N, C-alpha and C. Protein backbone atom coordinates (compact mmCIF):
# COMPACT_ATOMS: atom_id res chain seq x y z
N UNK A 1 0.46 -1.21 0.28
CA UNK A 1 -0.41 -0.22 -0.38
C UNK A 1 0.58 0.96 -0.30
N UNK A 2 0.38 2.31 -1.32
CA UNK A 2 1.48 3.38 -0.85
C UNK A 2 0.72 4.40 0.45
N UNK A 3 1.54 5.48 0.42
CA UNK A 3 1.18 7.00 0.89
C UNK A 3 0.11 7.18 0.61
N UNK A 4 -1.43 7.63 1.43
CA UNK A 4 -2.72 8.32 1.53
C UNK A 4 -3.53 6.50 0.43
N UNK A 5 -3.00 5.93 0.98
CA UNK A 5 -3.94 5.03 0.59
C UNK A 5 -4.55 4.72 -1.53
N UNK A 6 -3.39 5.44 -2.28
CA UNK A 6 -3.44 5.92 -3.67
C UNK A 6 -2.80 4.48 -3.91
N UNK A 7 -2.73 3.68 -3.61
CA UNK A 7 -2.73 2.46 -4.59
C UNK A 7 -3.86 1.21 -4.94
N UNK A 8 -5.07 1.59 -3.93
CA UNK A 8 -5.93 0.43 -3.58
C UNK A 8 -6.44 0.46 -4.86
N UNK A 9 -7.58 -0.55 -4.41
CA UNK A 9 -8.54 -1.44 -5.44
C UNK A 9 -9.69 0.27 -6.12
N UNK A 10 -9.18 0.36 -4.91
CA UNK A 10 -10.51 1.25 -5.14
C UNK A 10 -10.55 2.45 -5.50
N UNK A 11 -9.50 3.15 -6.04
CA UNK A 11 -8.71 4.04 -5.90
C UNK A 11 -8.66 4.54 -7.86
N UNK A 12 -8.05 2.94 -7.76
CA UNK A 12 -7.44 2.93 -9.33
C UNK A 12 -8.48 2.99 -10.16
N UNK A 13 -9.73 2.30 -9.99
CA UNK A 13 -11.53 1.74 -10.55
C UNK A 13 -11.33 3.22 -10.51
N UNK A 14 -11.76 4.60 -9.88
CA UNK A 14 -12.19 5.29 -10.61
C UNK A 14 -11.36 5.98 -11.12
N UNK A 15 -9.71 6.07 -11.66
CA UNK A 15 -8.77 6.39 -11.87
C UNK A 15 -8.82 6.71 -13.62
N UNK A 16 -9.33 4.77 -12.74
CA UNK A 16 -9.67 4.47 -14.84
C UNK A 16 -10.93 4.68 -16.11
N UNK A 17 -12.46 4.02 -15.16
CA UNK A 17 -13.87 5.02 -15.21
C UNK A 17 -13.03 6.80 -15.72
N UNK A 18 -12.72 7.78 -15.29
CA UNK A 18 -13.02 8.21 -15.64
C UNK A 18 -12.07 8.95 -16.84
N UNK A 19 -10.99 8.24 -17.05
CA UNK A 19 -10.17 7.96 -18.39
C UNK A 19 -11.55 7.39 -19.28
N UNK A 20 -11.93 6.46 -18.89
CA UNK A 20 -12.30 6.36 -19.98
C UNK A 20 -14.13 6.83 -20.35
N UNK A 21 -14.55 7.59 -19.90
CA UNK A 21 -15.42 8.43 -19.67
C UNK A 21 -15.32 9.10 -20.49
N UNK A 22 -13.84 9.97 -19.90
CA UNK A 22 -13.06 10.97 -21.04
C UNK A 22 -12.54 11.06 -22.06
N UNK A 23 -12.20 9.46 -22.85
CA UNK A 23 -11.84 9.08 -23.74
C UNK A 23 -13.46 8.83 -24.32
N UNK A 24 -14.61 8.42 -24.13
CA UNK A 24 -15.89 8.33 -25.15
C UNK A 24 -16.29 9.11 -25.47
N UNK A 25 -16.18 10.54 -24.16
CA UNK A 25 -16.57 11.73 -25.31
C UNK A 25 -16.13 12.41 -26.00
N UNK A 26 -14.71 12.30 -25.98
CA UNK A 26 -13.82 13.11 -27.30
C UNK A 26 -14.79 11.35 -28.22
N UNK A 27 -14.81 10.06 -28.23
CA UNK A 27 -14.71 8.99 -29.45
C UNK A 27 -15.79 9.92 -29.76
N UNK A 28 -16.70 10.43 -29.27
CA UNK A 28 -18.30 10.97 -29.36
C UNK A 28 -17.97 12.23 -30.61
N UNK A 29 -16.89 13.40 -29.91
CA UNK A 29 -17.34 14.44 -30.75
C UNK A 29 -16.71 14.66 -31.53
N UNK A 30 -15.78 13.32 -32.16
CA UNK A 30 -14.73 12.76 -33.66
C UNK A 30 -16.25 12.28 -34.27
N UNK A 31 -16.31 11.37 -34.09
CA UNK A 31 -16.76 10.76 -34.60
C UNK A 31 -18.60 12.25 -35.10
N UNK A 32 -18.47 12.41 -34.26
CA UNK A 32 -19.84 13.94 -35.06
C UNK A 32 -19.04 14.69 -35.35
N UNK A 33 -18.50 15.23 -35.97
CA UNK A 33 -17.39 16.16 -36.28
C UNK A 33 -17.22 15.06 -37.97
N UNK A 34 -16.60 14.10 -37.61
CA UNK A 34 -16.35 13.73 -38.92
C UNK A 34 -17.87 13.14 -39.45
N UNK A 35 -19.30 12.64 -38.56
CA UNK A 35 -20.50 13.04 -39.84
C UNK A 35 -20.56 14.52 -40.57
N UNK A 36 -20.89 15.02 -39.47
CA UNK A 36 -21.10 16.64 -40.67
C UNK A 36 -20.34 16.55 -41.60
N UNK A 37 -19.08 16.27 -41.15
CA UNK A 37 -18.07 17.08 -43.08
C UNK A 37 -18.05 15.94 -43.93
N UNK A 38 -18.65 13.95 -42.81
CA UNK A 38 -19.37 13.74 -44.58
C UNK A 38 -20.54 14.77 -45.15
N UNK A 39 -21.22 14.26 -44.85
CA UNK A 39 -22.96 15.68 -44.84
C UNK A 39 -22.44 16.52 -45.49
N UNK A 40 -21.61 17.33 -45.49
CA UNK A 40 -21.42 18.88 -45.64
C UNK A 40 -21.17 18.11 -47.52
N UNK A 41 -20.02 17.78 -47.68
CA UNK A 41 -19.13 17.49 -48.59
C UNK A 41 -20.45 16.05 -49.97
N UNK A 42 -20.96 15.14 -48.92
CA UNK A 42 -21.96 15.23 -49.78
C UNK A 42 -23.35 15.92 -50.59
N UNK A 43 -23.40 16.62 -49.48
CA UNK A 43 -24.42 17.36 -49.93
C UNK A 43 -23.95 18.86 -51.37
N UNK A 44 -23.10 19.33 -51.25
CA UNK A 44 -22.05 20.13 -51.89
C UNK A 44 -21.37 19.65 -53.31
N UNK A 45 -21.28 17.52 -53.63
CA UNK A 45 -21.29 17.18 -54.70
C UNK A 45 -23.14 16.28 -55.18
N UNK A 46 -23.58 15.98 -54.70
CA UNK A 46 -24.82 16.04 -55.16
C UNK A 46 -25.55 17.60 -55.93
N UNK A 47 -25.22 18.64 -55.37
CA UNK A 47 -25.51 19.95 -55.36
C UNK A 47 -24.73 20.05 -57.28
N UNK A 48 -23.20 19.92 -57.28
CA UNK A 48 -22.44 20.06 -57.86
C UNK A 48 -23.11 18.82 -59.27
N UNK A 49 -23.39 17.74 -58.98
CA UNK A 49 -23.92 16.56 -60.14
C UNK A 49 -24.71 17.53 -60.95
N UNK A 50 -26.05 18.01 -59.79
CA UNK A 50 -27.27 18.06 -60.05
C UNK A 50 -27.48 19.39 -61.17
N UNK A 51 -26.26 20.52 -60.54
CA UNK A 51 -26.19 21.27 -61.95
C UNK A 51 -25.25 21.29 -62.62
N UNK A 52 -24.92 20.22 -62.79
CA UNK A 52 -23.90 19.81 -64.08
C UNK A 52 -25.11 19.29 -64.83
N UNK A 53 -25.85 18.42 -64.16
CA UNK A 53 -27.23 17.53 -65.34
C UNK A 53 -28.16 19.04 -65.62
N UNK A 54 -28.14 20.04 -65.21
CA UNK A 54 -28.82 21.27 -65.60
C UNK A 54 -27.87 21.61 -66.82
N UNK A 55 -26.74 21.77 -66.80
CA UNK A 55 -25.83 22.60 -68.09
C UNK A 55 -26.24 21.81 -69.05
N UNK A 56 -25.49 20.09 -68.95
CA UNK A 56 -25.95 19.50 -70.18
C UNK A 56 -27.70 19.82 -70.53
N UNK A 57 -28.50 20.18 -69.75
CA UNK A 57 -29.33 20.39 -70.88
C UNK A 57 -29.34 20.74 -70.77
N UNK A 58 -29.76 22.97 -71.02
CA UNK A 58 -28.77 23.62 -70.65
C UNK A 58 -28.61 23.55 -73.06
N UNK A 59 -27.35 23.16 -72.75
CA UNK A 59 -25.93 23.38 -73.32
C UNK A 59 -26.92 22.35 -74.84
N UNK A 60 -26.62 21.55 -75.02
CA UNK A 60 -27.63 20.58 -75.44
C UNK A 60 -29.32 20.67 -76.11
N UNK A 61 -29.99 21.55 -75.87
CA UNK A 61 -30.80 21.39 -76.00
C UNK A 61 -30.31 22.62 -77.72
N UNK A 62 -29.31 23.64 -76.50
CA UNK A 62 -29.58 25.44 -77.31
C UNK A 62 -29.33 24.60 -78.52
N UNK A 63 -27.76 23.59 -78.20
CA UNK A 63 -27.00 23.80 -79.72
C UNK A 63 -27.70 22.85 -80.85
N UNK A 64 -28.88 21.98 -80.12
CA UNK A 64 -29.89 20.84 -81.44
C UNK A 64 -30.94 21.65 -81.93
N UNK A 65 -31.61 22.70 -80.96
CA UNK A 65 -32.18 24.04 -81.68
C UNK A 65 -31.65 24.83 -83.30
N UNK A 66 -29.89 25.58 -82.78
CA UNK A 66 -29.87 26.26 -83.74
C UNK A 66 -28.67 24.88 -84.21
N UNK A 67 -28.64 24.19 -84.61
CA UNK A 67 -27.63 23.16 -85.46
C UNK A 67 -28.54 22.14 -86.09
N UNK A 68 -30.51 21.91 -86.20
CA UNK A 68 -30.42 20.68 -86.53
C UNK A 68 -31.75 21.31 -86.88
N UNK A 69 -32.66 20.88 -87.88
CA UNK A 69 -33.81 21.10 -88.28
C UNK A 69 -35.01 19.94 -87.31
N UNK A 70 -34.16 19.22 -86.51
CA UNK A 70 -35.02 18.46 -85.52
C UNK A 70 -35.54 17.11 -86.57
N UNK A 71 -36.15 15.84 -85.38
CA UNK A 71 -36.43 15.02 -86.01
C UNK A 71 -37.95 14.74 -86.15
N UNK A 72 -39.20 14.55 -87.36
CA UNK A 72 -38.46 14.83 -88.38
C UNK A 72 -38.29 16.23 -88.40
N UNK A 73 -37.60 16.21 -90.03
CA UNK A 73 -37.27 17.43 -90.31
C UNK A 73 -38.51 18.44 -90.85
N UNK A 74 -39.20 17.72 -91.17
CA UNK A 74 -40.73 18.79 -91.23
C UNK A 74 -41.62 18.93 -90.27
N UNK A 75 -41.33 19.09 -88.34
CA UNK A 75 -42.06 18.47 -87.55
C UNK A 75 -43.08 19.13 -87.28
N UNK A 76 -42.71 20.54 -87.27
CA UNK A 76 -43.53 22.21 -86.86
C UNK A 76 -44.48 21.54 -88.47
N UNK A 77 -45.25 20.95 -89.44
CA UNK A 77 -46.75 20.55 -89.53
C UNK A 77 -46.78 19.43 -89.02
N UNK A 78 -46.83 19.28 -88.07
CA UNK A 78 -47.17 17.99 -87.27
C UNK A 78 -46.48 18.42 -86.01
N UNK A 79 -47.08 18.63 -85.06
CA UNK A 79 -45.95 18.92 -83.92
C UNK A 79 -46.20 17.48 -82.78
N UNK A 80 -47.33 16.26 -83.13
CA UNK A 80 -47.61 15.24 -81.87
C UNK A 80 -46.29 14.43 -82.89
N UNK A 81 -45.89 14.02 -83.28
CA UNK A 81 -44.66 13.37 -83.94
C UNK A 81 -43.49 13.46 -84.11
N UNK A 82 -42.76 14.67 -83.76
CA UNK A 82 -42.12 15.14 -83.20
C UNK A 82 -40.75 13.57 -82.52
N UNK A 83 -39.55 13.82 -82.57
CA UNK A 83 -39.37 13.08 -82.02
C UNK A 83 -37.44 13.76 -81.24
N UNK A 84 -37.74 14.75 -82.63
CA UNK A 84 -36.26 15.78 -81.87
C UNK A 84 -36.44 16.89 -81.76
N UNK A 85 -36.38 18.02 -80.90
CA UNK A 85 -36.85 19.60 -81.92
C UNK A 85 -35.71 19.76 -82.50
N UNK A 86 -35.84 20.44 -83.83
CA UNK A 86 -34.31 21.78 -83.80
C UNK A 86 -35.29 22.54 -85.12
N UNK A 87 -34.53 24.26 -85.18
CA UNK A 87 -34.82 25.26 -85.27
C UNK A 87 -34.60 25.50 -86.76
N UNK A 88 -33.55 24.97 -86.86
CA UNK A 88 -32.87 25.39 -88.46
C UNK A 88 -32.36 24.46 -89.50
N UNK A 89 -33.42 25.04 -90.61
CA UNK A 89 -33.16 24.75 -92.26
C UNK A 89 -31.33 24.53 -92.35
N UNK A 90 -30.40 25.50 -92.07
CA UNK A 90 -29.19 25.93 -92.20
C UNK A 90 -28.74 26.34 -91.33
N UNK A 91 -27.57 26.00 -90.86
CA UNK A 91 -27.37 25.71 -89.87
C UNK A 91 -27.19 27.41 -88.56
N UNK A 92 -27.43 27.40 -87.89
CA UNK A 92 -27.72 29.01 -86.85
C UNK A 92 -28.53 29.84 -87.81
N UNK A 93 -29.77 29.45 -88.17
CA UNK A 93 -30.86 29.97 -90.00
C UNK A 93 -31.72 29.56 -89.03
N UNK A 94 -32.22 30.67 -87.93
CA UNK A 94 -33.57 29.89 -87.71
C UNK A 94 -34.36 30.11 -88.51
N UNK A 95 -36.21 29.30 -88.55
CA UNK A 95 -36.96 29.57 -89.07
C UNK A 95 -38.26 29.33 -88.56
N UNK A 96 -38.47 30.61 -89.13
CA UNK A 96 -40.23 31.37 -88.64
C UNK A 96 -40.79 30.40 -88.60
N UNK A 97 -41.16 29.24 -89.32
CA UNK A 97 -42.31 27.94 -89.13
C UNK A 97 -42.25 27.08 -87.68
N UNK A 98 -40.60 26.56 -87.69
CA UNK A 98 -40.03 26.68 -86.73
C UNK A 98 -40.46 27.03 -85.01
N UNK A 99 -39.84 27.66 -85.02
CA UNK A 99 -39.54 29.10 -84.04
C UNK A 99 -41.34 29.19 -83.25
N UNK A 100 -42.22 29.22 -84.13
CA UNK A 100 -43.67 29.60 -84.43
C UNK A 100 -44.39 28.19 -83.73
N UNK A 101 -43.77 27.25 -84.12
CA UNK A 101 -44.43 25.98 -84.07
C UNK A 101 -44.21 25.42 -82.51
N UNK A 102 -42.51 25.31 -82.23
CA UNK A 102 -42.21 25.35 -80.94
C UNK A 102 -42.58 26.23 -79.68
N UNK A 103 -43.54 27.81 -79.28
CA UNK A 103 -43.92 28.27 -78.97
C UNK A 103 -45.80 27.55 -78.38
N UNK A 104 -46.11 26.71 -79.54
CA UNK A 104 -47.18 26.69 -79.57
C UNK A 104 -47.56 24.64 -78.89
N UNK A 105 -46.09 24.29 -78.62
CA UNK A 105 -46.00 23.00 -78.10
C UNK A 105 -45.74 23.11 -76.56
N UNK A 106 -46.75 22.75 -75.70
CA UNK A 106 -46.83 22.32 -73.88
C UNK A 106 -45.93 22.33 -73.00
N UNK A 107 -45.61 22.63 -72.30
CA UNK A 107 -44.54 22.52 -71.30
C UNK A 107 -44.24 20.77 -71.14
N UNK A 108 -45.63 20.42 -70.78
CA UNK A 108 -44.51 19.43 -70.35
C UNK A 108 -44.35 18.73 -71.79
N UNK A 109 -44.96 18.42 -73.06
CA UNK A 109 -44.78 17.62 -73.82
C UNK A 109 -43.00 18.89 -74.10
N UNK A 110 -42.02 20.45 -74.22
CA UNK A 110 -41.49 20.44 -73.95
C UNK A 110 -40.12 19.87 -73.71
N UNK A 111 -40.73 19.28 -72.24
CA UNK A 111 -40.23 19.24 -71.28
C UNK A 111 -39.29 18.32 -71.42
N UNK A 112 -40.50 17.03 -71.90
CA UNK A 112 -40.07 15.19 -71.95
C UNK A 112 -39.40 15.95 -73.55
N UNK A 113 -40.05 16.54 -74.47
CA UNK A 113 -38.39 16.38 -75.86
C UNK A 113 -37.25 17.12 -75.56
N UNK A 114 -36.98 17.63 -74.66
CA UNK A 114 -35.84 18.42 -73.97
C UNK A 114 -34.83 18.05 -73.61
N UNK A 115 -35.67 16.55 -72.72
CA UNK A 115 -35.34 15.94 -71.39
C UNK A 115 -34.78 16.54 -69.94
N UNK A 116 -36.15 17.78 -69.91
CA UNK A 116 -35.47 18.37 -68.69
C UNK A 116 -36.20 17.52 -67.73
N UNK A 117 -37.21 16.25 -67.83
CA UNK A 117 -37.38 16.03 -66.65
C UNK A 117 -38.06 17.23 -66.09
N UNK A 118 -39.06 17.13 -64.62
CA UNK A 118 -39.78 18.09 -63.92
C UNK A 118 -39.29 19.63 -63.88
N UNK A 119 -37.60 19.42 -64.73
CA UNK A 119 -37.51 21.08 -64.43
C UNK A 119 -37.78 21.81 -65.04
N UNK A 120 -38.28 23.24 -65.28
CA UNK A 120 -38.55 24.14 -66.11
C UNK A 120 -37.90 24.62 -67.75
N UNK A 121 -38.87 24.74 -68.14
CA UNK A 121 -37.68 25.32 -69.89
C UNK A 121 -37.99 26.66 -69.96
N UNK A 122 -37.30 26.77 -70.66
CA UNK A 122 -37.31 28.28 -71.50
C UNK A 122 -37.12 28.23 -72.27
N UNK A 123 -36.84 28.23 -74.10
CA UNK A 123 -36.77 29.18 -75.08
C UNK A 123 -36.93 30.10 -75.23
N UNK A 124 -36.40 31.21 -75.90
CA UNK A 124 -36.44 32.86 -75.73
C UNK A 124 -35.57 33.28 -77.19
N UNK A 125 -36.31 33.19 -77.61
CA UNK A 125 -35.18 33.96 -79.58
C UNK A 125 -35.64 35.55 -78.82
N UNK A 126 -34.18 36.59 -78.81
CA UNK A 126 -34.17 37.34 -78.16
C UNK A 126 -34.03 38.54 -79.63
N UNK A 127 -34.14 39.21 -80.12
CA UNK A 127 -33.69 40.10 -81.22
C UNK A 127 -31.99 40.87 -80.75
N UNK A 128 -30.97 41.53 -81.45
CA UNK A 128 -30.01 41.95 -81.02
C UNK A 128 -30.17 43.04 -80.00
N UNK A 129 -30.94 43.25 -79.35
CA UNK A 129 -31.45 44.09 -78.77
C UNK A 129 -31.54 43.57 -77.71
N UNK A 130 -32.62 42.87 -77.19
CA UNK A 130 -31.92 42.02 -76.11
C UNK A 130 -34.81 41.93 -76.03
N UNK A 131 -34.48 42.12 -77.22
CA UNK A 131 -35.86 41.92 -77.01
C UNK A 131 -36.13 41.21 -77.03
N UNK A 132 -37.43 40.30 -76.58
CA UNK A 132 -38.14 39.33 -76.66
C UNK A 132 -38.82 39.66 -77.99
N UNK A 133 -38.84 38.21 -79.17
CA UNK A 133 -39.22 38.52 -79.92
C UNK A 133 -39.60 36.47 -80.24
N UNK A 134 -39.74 35.99 -79.78
CA UNK A 134 -40.83 34.52 -79.76
C UNK A 134 -40.29 33.95 -78.17
N UNK A 135 -40.97 33.29 -77.22
CA UNK A 135 -40.66 32.33 -75.95
C UNK A 135 -41.62 31.37 -76.04
N UNK A 136 -41.26 30.51 -75.71
CA UNK A 136 -41.83 29.36 -74.98
C UNK A 136 -41.76 28.99 -73.90
N UNK A 137 -42.21 28.23 -73.49
CA UNK A 137 -41.83 27.15 -72.45
C UNK A 137 -42.31 27.65 -70.65
N UNK A 138 -41.11 27.55 -69.54
CA UNK A 138 -42.28 28.80 -68.62
C UNK A 138 -40.36 29.02 -68.14
N UNK A 139 -39.88 30.28 -67.68
CA UNK A 139 -39.44 30.44 -66.61
C UNK A 139 -38.69 29.80 -65.70
N UNK A 140 -37.45 28.92 -64.95
CA UNK A 140 -37.40 27.96 -64.04
C UNK A 140 -37.29 29.01 -62.89
N UNK A 141 -38.02 28.38 -61.95
CA UNK A 141 -38.28 29.33 -60.59
C UNK A 141 -37.51 28.33 -60.30
N UNK A 142 -36.98 29.29 -58.64
CA UNK A 142 -36.67 28.24 -58.09
C UNK A 142 -34.87 28.68 -57.99
N UNK A 143 -33.57 28.19 -56.66
CA UNK A 143 -33.04 28.98 -57.00
C UNK A 143 -31.55 28.34 -57.79
N UNK A 144 -31.83 27.30 -58.28
CA UNK A 144 -30.80 27.12 -59.04
C UNK A 144 -31.65 26.81 -61.03
N UNK A 145 -30.77 27.80 -61.67
CA UNK A 145 -30.76 27.27 -63.47
C UNK A 145 -29.62 27.86 -63.96
N UNK A 146 -29.66 27.29 -65.46
CA UNK A 146 -28.66 26.98 -66.01
C UNK A 146 -28.85 27.99 -67.34
N UNK A 147 -28.56 28.87 -67.98
CA UNK A 147 -28.52 29.27 -69.29
C UNK A 147 -27.58 29.19 -70.12
N UNK A 148 -27.88 29.45 -71.91
CA UNK A 148 -26.91 28.71 -73.11
C UNK A 148 -27.70 29.98 -74.31
N UNK A 149 -26.69 30.64 -74.67
CA UNK A 149 -27.02 31.44 -75.71
C UNK A 149 -26.12 31.09 -77.05
N UNK A 150 -27.42 31.26 -77.48
CA UNK A 150 -26.24 30.78 -78.72
C UNK A 150 -26.82 32.41 -79.76
N UNK A 151 -26.41 33.08 -80.84
CA UNK A 151 -25.79 33.55 -82.02
C UNK A 151 -25.87 32.90 -82.77
N UNK A 152 -27.72 33.53 -83.07
CA UNK A 152 -28.46 33.08 -84.49
C UNK A 152 -28.91 34.20 -85.61
N UNK A 153 -29.19 33.80 -86.68
CA UNK A 153 -29.88 35.01 -87.81
C UNK A 153 -31.61 34.00 -87.90
N UNK A 154 -32.35 35.22 -87.59
CA UNK A 154 -33.52 35.45 -87.66
C UNK A 154 -33.77 36.03 -88.40
N UNK A 155 -34.78 35.90 -89.86
CA UNK A 155 -35.33 37.00 -90.33
C UNK A 155 -34.28 37.72 -90.92
N UNK A 156 -32.77 37.31 -91.42
CA UNK A 156 -32.47 38.04 -92.07
C UNK A 156 -31.48 38.84 -91.30
N UNK A 157 -31.24 38.78 -90.37
CA UNK A 157 -31.39 39.62 -88.60
C UNK A 157 -30.24 38.72 -87.21
N UNK A 158 -29.73 39.39 -86.84
CA UNK A 158 -28.48 38.88 -85.82
C UNK A 158 -29.96 38.84 -84.53
N UNK A 159 -29.64 37.47 -83.76
CA UNK A 159 -30.74 37.62 -82.96
C UNK A 159 -29.95 36.40 -81.94
N UNK A 160 -30.49 36.18 -80.69
CA UNK A 160 -29.80 35.56 -79.67
C UNK A 160 -31.31 34.33 -78.90
N UNK A 161 -30.66 33.25 -79.18
CA UNK A 161 -31.67 32.16 -78.68
C UNK A 161 -31.16 31.97 -78.22
N UNK A 162 -31.75 31.86 -76.41
CA UNK A 162 -31.65 31.49 -74.67
C UNK A 162 -32.74 29.94 -74.11
N UNK A 163 -31.64 29.60 -73.77
CA UNK A 163 -32.39 28.24 -73.53
C UNK A 163 -32.11 28.03 -72.03
N UNK A 164 -33.63 27.97 -70.91
CA UNK A 164 -32.85 28.24 -69.32
C UNK A 164 -33.76 27.06 -68.75
N UNK A 165 -32.62 26.60 -67.65
CA UNK A 165 -33.20 25.12 -66.78
C UNK A 165 -33.46 25.20 -66.20
N UNK A 166 -33.86 25.35 -65.50
CA UNK A 166 -33.87 24.83 -64.16
C UNK A 166 -34.40 24.59 -63.09
N UNK A 167 -35.04 24.70 -61.38
CA UNK A 167 -35.38 24.90 -60.40
C UNK A 167 -35.53 24.44 -59.22
N UNK A 168 -36.09 23.59 -58.40
CA UNK A 168 -35.38 23.47 -56.73
C UNK A 168 -34.36 22.29 -57.52
N UNK A 169 -34.11 22.23 -56.05
CA UNK A 169 -32.89 21.06 -56.63
C UNK A 169 -33.52 20.06 -55.49
N UNK A 170 -33.90 20.60 -53.55
CA UNK A 170 -35.22 19.93 -52.94
C UNK A 170 -35.77 19.04 -54.03
N UNK A 171 -36.61 19.56 -54.72
CA UNK A 171 -38.26 18.48 -55.30
C UNK A 171 -37.58 18.11 -56.32
N UNK A 172 -36.92 18.68 -57.41
CA UNK A 172 -36.66 18.16 -58.64
C UNK A 172 -35.85 16.65 -58.55
N UNK A 173 -34.85 16.41 -57.37
CA UNK A 173 -33.67 15.79 -57.25
C UNK A 173 -32.60 15.48 -58.52
N UNK A 174 -31.90 15.03 -58.21
CA UNK A 174 -31.14 14.81 -59.59
C UNK A 174 -30.97 14.08 -60.54
N UNK A 175 -31.21 14.68 -61.47
CA UNK A 175 -31.32 14.39 -63.07
C UNK A 175 -30.21 13.22 -63.64
N UNK A 176 -30.39 12.03 -64.32
CA UNK A 176 -30.01 11.27 -64.66
C UNK A 176 -30.29 11.03 -66.47
């Protein structure tokens, strides 16, 4: 036995219990910090994937619209048989009948044809001054949206075709 009873079994057990309790508290704090960091990084990666898919939709839609006539190439005559949308008979030259037809397409059909999913999509033709000439779809609402603009020719004049896609990532989810 040591001085003051420090080496008695009761004192050692109490010191050991206090060490164990402190170690458990530190372990729980470290695990909590790791979980919070993991969750934060996961949310950032999900957001990046979601916004990347919006960028893909906006880019491929605007590219397809200004570079192709669509499929079938005369889809504007019968919009019920559209496989893919296109506004140009000649690259970057917007056909007036096609842009008029796309304006009349239902929003749900437009979302499906552009692969926008549940996200809102708008296709807007602007003149060189920024005035709206034609508009199809619904402007994106929510905190996230992406736009892609292309310089085109419309009725012999320079114009801009702008495609906007977006919505709320919490309701729409990550697109595939």
